[in-house]
Amino acid sequence: MQTRSEKLRAKILGLRIVKYFVENLKEEYLVFIAETIPFLGELLEDVELSVKSLAQEILQEMESLSGESLRQYL
């Protein structure tokens, strides 16, 4: 929920936590994709470039883990 904060630091830290989970849990994280996608969709449209690029990195990692494009769900 911190990714919906108005504060840039909270958004970045929230995204870094999600990235950590994706990178370390790998296939075990796939059950959380449905809950994560709406937040990533919002963050991909953020005005801050650092937030957009970090959200993009996470999306790409999730796509490689799942083996399919997740952009249709954004």
C-alpha atoms as a PDB file:
ATOM      1  CA  MET A   1       0.000   0.000   0.000  1.00  0.00           C
ATOM      2  CA  GLN A   2       2.985   2.323   0.459  1.00  0.00           C
ATOM      3  CA  THR A   3       3.396   2.450  -3.307  1.00  0.00           C
ATOM      4  CA  ARG A   4       0.256   4.614  -3.356  1.00  0.00           C
ATOM      5  CA  SER A   5       1.823   7.150  -1.016  1.00  0.00           C
ATOM      6  CA  GLU A   6       2.361  10.728  -2.142  1.00  0.00           C
ATOM      7  CA  LYS A   7       5.954  10.495  -0.901  1.00  0.00           C
ATOM      8  CA  LEU A   8       8.566   9.408  -3.426  1.00  0.00           C
ATOM      9  CA  ARG A   9      10.689   7.655  -0.805  1.00  0.00           C
ATOM     10  CA  ALA A  10       7.768   5.478   0.309  1.00  0.00           C
ATOM     11  CA  LYS A  11       7.006   4.477  -3.289  1.00  0.00           C
ATOM     12  CA  ILE A  12      10.625   3.568  -4.019  1.00  0.00           C
ATOM     13  CA  LEU A  13      11.012   1.572  -0.807  1.00  0.00           C
ATOM     14  CA  GLY A  14       7.741  -0.253  -1.438  1.00  0.00           C
ATOM     15  CA  LEU A  15       8.896  -1.163  -4.927  1.00  0.00           C
ATOM     16  CA  ARG A  16      12.306  -2.284  -3.687  1.00  0.00           C
ATOM     17  CA  ILE A  17      10.613  -4.638  -1.233  1.00  0.00           C
ATOM     18  CA  VAL A  18       8.458  -6.096  -4.002  1.00  0.00           C
ATOM     19  CA  LYS A  19      11.555  -6.475  -6.187  1.00  0.00           C
ATOM     20  CA  TYR A  20      13.384  -8.246  -3.366  1.00  0.00           C
ATOM     21  CA  PHE A  21      10.490 -10.679  -2.939  1.00  0.00           C
ATOM     22  CA  VAL A  22      10.261 -11.364  -6.668  1.00  0.00           C
ATOM     23  CA  GLU A  23      14.002 -11.957  -6.977  1.00  0.00           C
ATOM     24  CA  ASN A  24      14.292 -14.157  -3.902  1.00  0.00           C
ATOM     25  CA  LEU A  25      11.021 -16.078  -3.838  1.00  0.00           C
ATOM     26  CA  LYS A  26      10.988 -16.624  -7.608  1.00  0.00           C
ATOM     27  CA  GLU A  27       8.229 -19.138  -8.513  1.00  0.00           C
ATOM     28  CA  GLU A  28       6.782 -18.949  -4.996  1.00  0.00           C
ATOM     29  CA  TYR A  29       5.948 -15.289  -5.648  1.00  0.00           C
ATOM     30  CA  LEU A  30       3.803 -16.133  -8.681  1.00  0.00           C
ATOM     31  CA  VAL A  31       0.725 -16.632  -6.475  1.00  0.00           C
ATOM     32  CA  PHE A  32       0.893 -12.903  -5.627  1.00  0.00           C
ATOM     33  CA  ILE A  33       0.983 -11.632  -9.217  1.00  0.00           C
ATOM     34  CA  ALA A  34      -2.756 -10.911  -9.283  1.00  0.00           C
ATOM     35  CA  GLU A  35      -2.428  -8.682  -6.204  1.00  0.00           C
ATOM     36  CA  THR A  36       0.711  -6.947  -7.495  1.00  0.00           C
ATOM     37  CA  ILE A  37      -0.410  -6.095 -11.043  1.00  0.00           C
ATOM     38  CA  PRO A  38      -2.846  -3.256 -10.154  1.00  0.00           C
ATOM     39  CA  PHE A  39      -0.161  -1.486  -8.127  1.00  0.00           C
ATOM     40  CA  LEU A  40       2.436  -1.872 -10.888  1.00  0.00           C
ATOM     41  CA  GLY A  41      -0.057  -0.557 -13.432  1.00  0.00           C
ATOM     42  CA  GLU A  42      -0.466   2.619 -11.401  1.00  0.00           C
ATOM     43  CA  LEU A  43       3.268   3.010 -10.877  1.00  0.00           C
ATOM     44  CA  LEU A  44       4.061   2.599 -14.561  1.00  0.00           C
ATOM     45  CA  GLU A  45       2.115   5.846 -15.066  1.00  0.00           C
ATOM     46  CA  ASP A  46       3.833   7.728 -12.232  1.00  0.00           C
ATOM     47  CA  VAL A  47       5.356  11.134 -12.980  1.00  0.00           C
ATOM     48  CA  GLU A  48       8.690  10.170 -11.426  1.00  0.00           C
ATOM     49  CA  LEU A  49      11.028   8.424 -13.868  1.00  0.00           C
ATOM     50  CA  SER A  50      12.742   6.463 -11.077  1.00  0.00           C
ATOM     51  CA  VAL A  51       9.396   4.987  -9.990  1.00  0.00           C
ATOM     52  CA  LYS A  52       8.432   4.114 -13.572  1.00  0.00           C
ATOM     53  CA  SER A  53      11.726   2.412 -14.335  1.00  0.00           C
ATOM     54  CA  LEU A  54      11.742   0.386 -11.114  1.00  0.00           C
ATOM     55  CA  ALA A  55       8.152  -0.730 -11.755  1.00  0.00           C
ATOM     56  CA  GLN A  56       9.182  -1.703 -15.294  1.00  0.00           C
ATOM     57  CA  GLU A  57      12.089  -3.788 -13.963  1.00  0.00           C
ATOM     58  CA  ILE A  58       9.772  -5.628 -11.584  1.00  0.00           C
ATOM     59  CA  LEU A  59       7.228  -6.243 -14.333  1.00  0.00           C
ATOM     60  CA  GLN A  60       9.921  -7.695 -16.608  1.00  0.00           C
ATOM     61  CA  GLU A  61      11.175  -9.986 -13.847  1.00  0.00           C
ATOM     62  CA  MET A  62       7.633 -11.175 -13.136  1.00  0.00           C
ATOM     63  CA  GLU A  63       7.070 -11.799 -16.846  1.00  0.00           C
ATOM     64  CA  SER A  64      10.228 -13.878 -17.087  1.00  0.00           C
ATOM     65  CA  LEU A  65       9.176 -15.924 -14.037  1.00  0.00           C
ATOM     66  CA  SER A  66       5.653 -16.511 -15.289  1.00  0.00           C
ATOM     67  CA  GLY A  67       6.700 -17.104 -18.882  1.00  0.00           C
ATOM     68  CA  GLU A  68       3.979 -14.860 -20.279  1.00  0.00           C
ATOM     69  CA  SER A  69       3.316 -11.189 -20.948  1.00  0.00           C
ATOM     70  CA  LEU A  70       1.497  -9.524 -18.074  1.00  0.00           C
ATOM     71  CA  ARG A  71       0.878  -6.218 -19.877  1.00  0.00           C
ATOM     72  CA  GLN A  72      -2.629  -7.293 -20.874  1.00  0.00           C
ATOM     73  CA  TYR A  73      -3.579  -7.292 -17.170  1.00  0.00           C
ATOM     74  CA  LEU A  74      -2.362  -3.759 -16.452  1.00  0.00           C
END
